[in-house]
N, C-alpha and C. Protein backbone atom coordinates (compact mmCIF):
# COMPACT_ATOMS: atom_id res chain seq x y z
N MET A 1 -14.19 46.68 11.42
CA MET A 1 -13.92 46.80 12.84
C MET A 1 -13.93 45.43 13.53
N LEU A 2 -14.95 44.64 13.26
CA LEU A 2 -15.04 43.33 13.88
C LEU A 2 -14.09 42.33 13.25
N LEU A 3 -13.54 42.67 12.09
CA LEU A 3 -12.61 41.76 11.42
C LEU A 3 -11.35 41.53 12.25
N GLN A 4 -11.02 42.48 13.11
CA GLN A 4 -9.84 42.33 13.97
C GLN A 4 -10.03 41.19 14.96
N TYR A 5 -11.27 40.90 15.32
CA TYR A 5 -11.56 39.84 16.28
C TYR A 5 -11.79 38.48 15.62
N ALA A 6 -11.67 38.40 14.33
CA ALA A 6 -11.91 37.14 13.62
C ALA A 6 -10.92 36.06 14.03
N ALA A 7 -9.68 36.43 14.24
CA ALA A 7 -8.68 35.44 14.64
C ALA A 7 -9.00 34.87 16.02
N ILE A 8 -9.45 35.73 16.93
CA ILE A 8 -9.81 35.26 18.27
C ILE A 8 -11.02 34.34 18.20
N ALA A 9 -12.02 34.74 17.41
CA ALA A 9 -13.22 33.91 17.26
C ALA A 9 -12.87 32.56 16.64
N ALA A 10 -12.02 32.57 15.63
CA ALA A 10 -11.62 31.31 15.00
C ALA A 10 -10.86 30.43 16.00
N PHE A 11 -10.01 31.02 16.81
CA PHE A 11 -9.28 30.26 17.82
C PHE A 11 -10.23 29.62 18.83
N VAL A 12 -11.21 30.38 19.30
CA VAL A 12 -12.17 29.86 20.27
C VAL A 12 -12.99 28.72 19.65
N ILE A 13 -13.43 28.89 18.42
CA ILE A 13 -14.24 27.87 17.76
C ILE A 13 -13.42 26.60 17.53
N ILE A 14 -12.21 26.75 17.03
CA ILE A 14 -11.36 25.58 16.78
C ILE A 14 -11.04 24.86 18.08
N THR A 15 -10.76 25.60 19.15
CA THR A 15 -10.47 24.99 20.44
C THR A 15 -11.67 24.21 20.96
N ALA A 16 -12.87 24.79 20.85
CA ALA A 16 -14.08 24.11 21.31
C ALA A 16 -14.33 22.84 20.50
N VAL A 17 -14.14 22.91 19.18
CA VAL A 17 -14.37 21.74 18.33
C VAL A 17 -13.38 20.63 18.69
N ILE A 18 -12.11 20.97 18.87
CA ILE A 18 -11.12 19.96 19.23
C ILE A 18 -11.46 19.35 20.59
N GLY A 19 -11.91 20.16 21.53
CA GLY A 19 -12.30 19.64 22.84
C GLY A 19 -13.47 18.67 22.74
N PHE A 20 -14.50 19.04 21.99
CA PHE A 20 -15.65 18.15 21.82
C PHE A 20 -15.26 16.86 21.09
N ILE A 21 -14.39 16.96 20.11
CA ILE A 21 -13.93 15.76 19.40
C ILE A 21 -13.17 14.84 20.36
N ALA A 22 -12.29 15.39 21.18
CA ALA A 22 -11.52 14.57 22.12
C ALA A 22 -12.44 13.88 23.13
N ILE A 23 -13.41 14.60 23.66
CA ILE A 23 -14.35 14.00 24.62
C ILE A 23 -15.21 12.94 23.93
N GLY A 24 -15.67 13.25 22.74
CA GLY A 24 -16.49 12.28 22.00
C GLY A 24 -15.74 11.00 21.67
N LEU A 25 -14.48 11.13 21.23
CA LEU A 25 -13.69 9.94 20.93
C LEU A 25 -13.43 9.12 22.20
N GLY A 26 -13.21 9.77 23.31
CA GLY A 26 -13.01 9.06 24.56
C GLY A 26 -14.26 8.30 24.98
N MET A 27 -15.42 8.91 24.80
CA MET A 27 -16.67 8.25 25.15
C MET A 27 -16.98 7.11 24.17
N LEU A 28 -16.64 7.30 22.92
CA LEU A 28 -16.94 6.31 21.90
C LEU A 28 -16.04 5.08 22.00
N PHE A 29 -14.74 5.30 22.15
CA PHE A 29 -13.79 4.19 22.12
C PHE A 29 -13.25 3.78 23.49
N GLY A 30 -13.56 4.51 24.52
CA GLY A 30 -13.03 4.21 25.85
C GLY A 30 -13.72 3.00 26.48
N PRO A 31 -13.02 2.34 27.42
CA PRO A 31 -13.62 1.18 28.09
C PRO A 31 -14.77 1.62 28.99
N LYS A 32 -15.77 0.74 29.09
CA LYS A 32 -16.96 1.07 29.87
C LYS A 32 -17.26 -0.04 30.87
N HIS A 33 -16.25 -0.54 31.56
CA HIS A 33 -16.44 -1.61 32.53
C HIS A 33 -16.56 -0.99 33.92
N SER A 34 -17.75 -0.92 34.45
CA SER A 34 -17.92 -0.37 35.79
C SER A 34 -18.05 -1.50 36.79
N SER A 35 -17.56 -1.25 37.99
CA SER A 35 -17.64 -2.24 39.06
C SER A 35 -17.78 -1.50 40.39
N ASP A 36 -18.04 -2.26 41.45
CA ASP A 36 -18.17 -1.66 42.76
C ASP A 36 -16.84 -1.06 43.23
N LYS A 37 -15.74 -1.69 42.87
CA LYS A 37 -14.42 -1.18 43.26
C LYS A 37 -14.14 0.17 42.61
N LYS A 38 -14.54 0.33 41.35
CA LYS A 38 -14.31 1.59 40.66
C LYS A 38 -15.20 2.70 41.20
N ALA A 39 -16.38 2.37 41.67
CA ALA A 39 -17.29 3.36 42.19
C ALA A 39 -16.94 3.77 43.62
N MET A 40 -16.03 3.03 44.26
CA MET A 40 -15.67 3.30 45.64
C MET A 40 -14.73 4.51 45.72
N PRO A 41 -14.94 5.43 46.68
CA PRO A 41 -14.02 6.56 46.80
C PRO A 41 -12.63 6.09 47.20
N TYR A 42 -11.62 6.80 46.78
CA TYR A 42 -10.23 6.39 47.01
C TYR A 42 -9.45 7.60 47.51
N GLU A 43 -8.71 7.44 48.57
CA GLU A 43 -7.94 8.55 49.12
C GLU A 43 -6.60 8.05 49.63
N SER A 44 -5.55 8.38 48.99
CA SER A 44 -4.17 8.10 49.43
C SER A 44 -3.91 6.63 49.73
N GLY A 45 -4.52 5.72 49.01
CA GLY A 45 -4.27 4.31 49.21
C GLY A 45 -4.99 3.71 50.41
N MET A 46 -5.78 4.50 51.10
CA MET A 46 -6.49 4.02 52.28
C MET A 46 -7.93 3.67 51.90
N ASN A 47 -8.46 2.62 52.49
CA ASN A 47 -9.87 2.32 52.28
C ASN A 47 -10.70 3.36 53.02
N PRO A 48 -11.73 3.85 52.39
CA PRO A 48 -12.51 4.91 53.03
C PRO A 48 -13.28 4.40 54.25
N ILE A 49 -13.36 5.25 55.25
CA ILE A 49 -14.13 4.95 56.45
C ILE A 49 -15.21 6.02 56.56
N GLY A 50 -16.44 5.63 56.63
CA GLY A 50 -17.53 6.58 56.75
C GLY A 50 -18.02 7.04 55.39
N PRO A 51 -18.83 8.07 55.37
CA PRO A 51 -19.39 8.54 54.09
C PRO A 51 -18.33 9.21 53.22
N GLY A 52 -18.60 9.24 51.94
CA GLY A 52 -17.66 9.84 51.00
C GLY A 52 -17.68 11.36 51.04
N THR A 53 -18.76 11.94 51.51
CA THR A 53 -18.85 13.39 51.60
C THR A 53 -19.01 13.79 53.06
N ARG A 54 -18.45 14.91 53.39
CA ARG A 54 -18.56 15.45 54.75
C ARG A 54 -19.01 16.90 54.68
N ARG A 55 -19.59 17.34 55.75
CA ARG A 55 -19.97 18.75 55.84
C ARG A 55 -18.72 19.56 56.15
N ILE A 56 -18.57 20.65 55.44
CA ILE A 56 -17.43 21.53 55.66
C ILE A 56 -17.95 22.75 56.41
N PRO A 57 -17.26 23.17 57.47
CA PRO A 57 -17.74 24.32 58.23
C PRO A 57 -17.77 25.60 57.39
N VAL A 58 -18.69 26.47 57.73
CA VAL A 58 -18.83 27.74 57.02
C VAL A 58 -17.57 28.58 57.20
N ARG A 59 -16.88 28.40 58.32
CA ARG A 59 -15.68 29.18 58.59
C ARG A 59 -14.63 28.98 57.49
N PHE A 60 -14.55 27.77 56.93
CA PHE A 60 -13.61 27.51 55.84
C PHE A 60 -13.93 28.41 54.64
N TYR A 61 -15.21 28.51 54.31
CA TYR A 61 -15.61 29.36 53.18
C TYR A 61 -15.35 30.83 53.48
N MET A 62 -15.57 31.23 54.73
CA MET A 62 -15.31 32.63 55.09
C MET A 62 -13.84 32.99 54.89
N VAL A 63 -12.96 32.12 55.36
CA VAL A 63 -11.52 32.38 55.19
C VAL A 63 -11.15 32.39 53.71
N ALA A 64 -11.72 31.48 52.94
CA ALA A 64 -11.42 31.42 51.50
C ALA A 64 -11.90 32.68 50.78
N VAL A 65 -13.10 33.12 51.09
CA VAL A 65 -13.65 34.31 50.44
C VAL A 65 -12.85 35.55 50.85
N LEU A 66 -12.50 35.65 52.13
CA LEU A 66 -11.70 36.80 52.56
C LEU A 66 -10.32 36.79 51.92
N PHE A 67 -9.72 35.61 51.77
CA PHE A 67 -8.43 35.53 51.10
C PHE A 67 -8.54 36.02 49.66
N ILE A 68 -9.54 35.54 48.95
CA ILE A 68 -9.71 35.95 47.56
C ILE A 68 -9.96 37.45 47.47
N LEU A 69 -10.80 37.96 48.36
CA LEU A 69 -11.11 39.39 48.35
C LEU A 69 -9.86 40.23 48.55
N PHE A 70 -9.09 39.95 49.60
CA PHE A 70 -7.91 40.76 49.86
C PHE A 70 -6.80 40.49 48.85
N ASP A 71 -6.74 39.30 48.30
CA ASP A 71 -5.75 38.99 47.28
C ASP A 71 -6.02 39.78 46.01
N ILE A 72 -7.26 39.82 45.60
CA ILE A 72 -7.62 40.57 44.39
C ILE A 72 -7.42 42.06 44.61
N GLU A 73 -7.74 42.54 45.80
CA GLU A 73 -7.57 43.97 46.06
C GLU A 73 -6.09 44.37 46.01
N THR A 74 -5.20 43.50 46.45
CA THR A 74 -3.79 43.86 46.40
C THR A 74 -3.23 43.86 44.98
N ILE A 75 -3.93 43.21 44.06
CA ILE A 75 -3.50 43.23 42.66
C ILE A 75 -3.55 44.66 42.11
N PHE A 76 -4.44 45.50 42.68
CA PHE A 76 -4.54 46.88 42.21
C PHE A 76 -3.32 47.71 42.58
N LEU A 77 -2.46 47.20 43.44
CA LEU A 77 -1.25 47.94 43.79
C LEU A 77 -0.22 47.94 42.66
N LEU A 78 -0.20 46.91 41.85
CA LEU A 78 0.80 46.82 40.78
C LEU A 78 0.63 47.90 39.72
N PRO A 79 -0.57 48.09 39.14
CA PRO A 79 -0.68 49.17 38.15
C PRO A 79 -0.39 50.55 38.75
N TRP A 80 -0.79 50.73 40.01
CA TRP A 80 -0.51 52.00 40.67
C TRP A 80 0.99 52.21 40.81
N ALA A 81 1.72 51.15 41.17
CA ALA A 81 3.16 51.28 41.33
C ALA A 81 3.85 51.57 40.00
N ILE A 82 3.29 51.07 38.92
CA ILE A 82 3.90 51.30 37.60
C ILE A 82 3.78 52.76 37.18
N VAL A 83 2.63 53.38 37.44
CA VAL A 83 2.42 54.77 37.02
C VAL A 83 2.50 55.74 38.20
N PHE A 84 3.18 55.36 39.25
CA PHE A 84 3.25 56.16 40.47
C PHE A 84 3.78 57.57 40.21
N ARG A 85 4.84 57.68 39.44
CA ARG A 85 5.46 59.01 39.21
C ARG A 85 4.57 59.93 38.40
N GLN A 86 3.78 59.38 37.49
CA GLN A 86 2.90 60.24 36.69
C GLN A 86 1.69 60.71 37.50
N LEU A 87 1.28 59.93 38.50
CA LEU A 87 0.10 60.31 39.29
C LEU A 87 0.42 61.38 40.32
N GLY A 88 1.63 61.39 40.83
CA GLY A 88 2.04 62.41 41.78
C GLY A 88 1.37 62.25 43.14
N VAL A 89 1.16 63.38 43.80
CA VAL A 89 0.60 63.38 45.15
C VAL A 89 -0.86 62.91 45.13
N PHE A 90 -1.60 63.24 44.07
CA PHE A 90 -3.00 62.81 43.98
C PHE A 90 -3.09 61.28 43.97
N GLY A 91 -2.24 60.62 43.21
CA GLY A 91 -2.23 59.16 43.17
C GLY A 91 -1.85 58.56 44.51
N LEU A 92 -0.91 59.20 45.21
CA LEU A 92 -0.51 58.73 46.53
C LEU A 92 -1.68 58.84 47.51
N ALA A 93 -2.40 59.95 47.46
CA ALA A 93 -3.55 60.15 48.36
C ALA A 93 -4.65 59.14 48.05
N GLU A 94 -4.91 58.92 46.78
CA GLU A 94 -5.96 57.95 46.41
C GLU A 94 -5.60 56.54 46.86
N MET A 95 -4.33 56.16 46.73
CA MET A 95 -3.93 54.83 47.17
C MET A 95 -3.97 54.73 48.69
N ALA A 96 -3.68 55.82 49.39
CA ALA A 96 -3.79 55.82 50.86
C ALA A 96 -5.24 55.60 51.28
N VAL A 97 -6.18 56.23 50.58
CA VAL A 97 -7.60 56.02 50.88
C VAL A 97 -8.00 54.57 50.57
N PHE A 98 -7.52 54.05 49.47
CA PHE A 98 -7.83 52.67 49.09
C PHE A 98 -7.31 51.68 50.14
N ILE A 99 -6.07 51.86 50.58
CA ILE A 99 -5.50 50.97 51.58
C ILE A 99 -6.20 51.15 52.93
N ALA A 100 -6.61 52.37 53.25
CA ALA A 100 -7.34 52.60 54.50
C ALA A 100 -8.67 51.84 54.48
N ILE A 101 -9.37 51.85 53.35
CA ILE A 101 -10.63 51.10 53.24
C ILE A 101 -10.37 49.61 53.40
N LEU A 102 -9.29 49.11 52.78
CA LEU A 102 -8.94 47.71 52.94
C LEU A 102 -8.62 47.37 54.39
N LEU A 103 -7.92 48.23 55.07
CA LEU A 103 -7.57 47.98 56.47
C LEU A 103 -8.81 47.98 57.36
N VAL A 104 -9.77 48.85 57.08
CA VAL A 104 -11.02 48.86 57.85
C VAL A 104 -11.72 47.51 57.68
N GLY A 105 -11.80 47.01 56.46
CA GLY A 105 -12.42 45.70 56.22
C GLY A 105 -11.65 44.57 56.88
N TYR A 106 -10.33 44.67 56.85
CA TYR A 106 -9.49 43.63 57.47
C TYR A 106 -9.69 43.60 58.98
N PHE A 107 -9.66 44.77 59.62
CA PHE A 107 -9.84 44.81 61.06
C PHE A 107 -11.26 44.41 61.47
N TYR A 108 -12.24 44.74 60.64
CA TYR A 108 -13.61 44.32 60.92
C TYR A 108 -13.71 42.78 60.89
N ALA A 109 -13.12 42.16 59.87
CA ALA A 109 -13.13 40.70 59.78
C ALA A 109 -12.37 40.08 60.95
N TRP A 110 -11.29 40.71 61.35
CA TRP A 110 -10.49 40.22 62.47
C TRP A 110 -11.28 40.30 63.77
N LYS A 111 -11.96 41.41 64.00
CA LYS A 111 -12.75 41.59 65.22
C LYS A 111 -13.94 40.62 65.27
N LYS A 112 -14.53 40.32 64.13
CA LYS A 112 -15.66 39.40 64.07
C LYS A 112 -15.22 37.94 64.23
N GLY A 113 -13.91 37.70 64.18
CA GLY A 113 -13.40 36.33 64.34
C GLY A 113 -13.42 35.51 63.05
N ALA A 114 -13.55 36.18 61.91
CA ALA A 114 -13.59 35.45 60.64
C ALA A 114 -12.23 34.87 60.27
N LEU A 115 -11.16 35.37 60.86
CA LEU A 115 -9.83 34.88 60.54
C LEU A 115 -9.34 33.82 61.52
N GLU A 116 -10.14 33.49 62.51
CA GLU A 116 -9.78 32.46 63.48
C GLU A 116 -9.94 31.09 62.86
N TRP A 117 -8.97 30.23 63.08
CA TRP A 117 -9.05 28.87 62.55
C TRP A 117 -8.95 27.90 63.72
N GLU A 118 -10.03 27.16 63.96
CA GLU A 118 -10.06 26.25 65.10
C GLU A 118 -10.14 24.83 64.65
């Protein structure tokens, strides 16, 4: 039974070994000349002004998480569309409930101002 997965396991092991070898060879034979210029942050050819790191507002993370959430939820529409005819009216009702739950979450986020970008 597990013999069927031997090819996958061998692929994962060989890939990991090749990755470690490539990183090791780069560390072993690569140049190691560090300087202040190399340690300096670089952005679009401009000399940096101010600190290299900045605080990012929580609102950015909220929009990103909401995008991922609703994006992943819409992925469930594709398998449903593929087997739509076999599911019949029951499948249509279930997808209507699913979309209604998504819309409730969307309107809640909209009312709370999570989708506002200032």
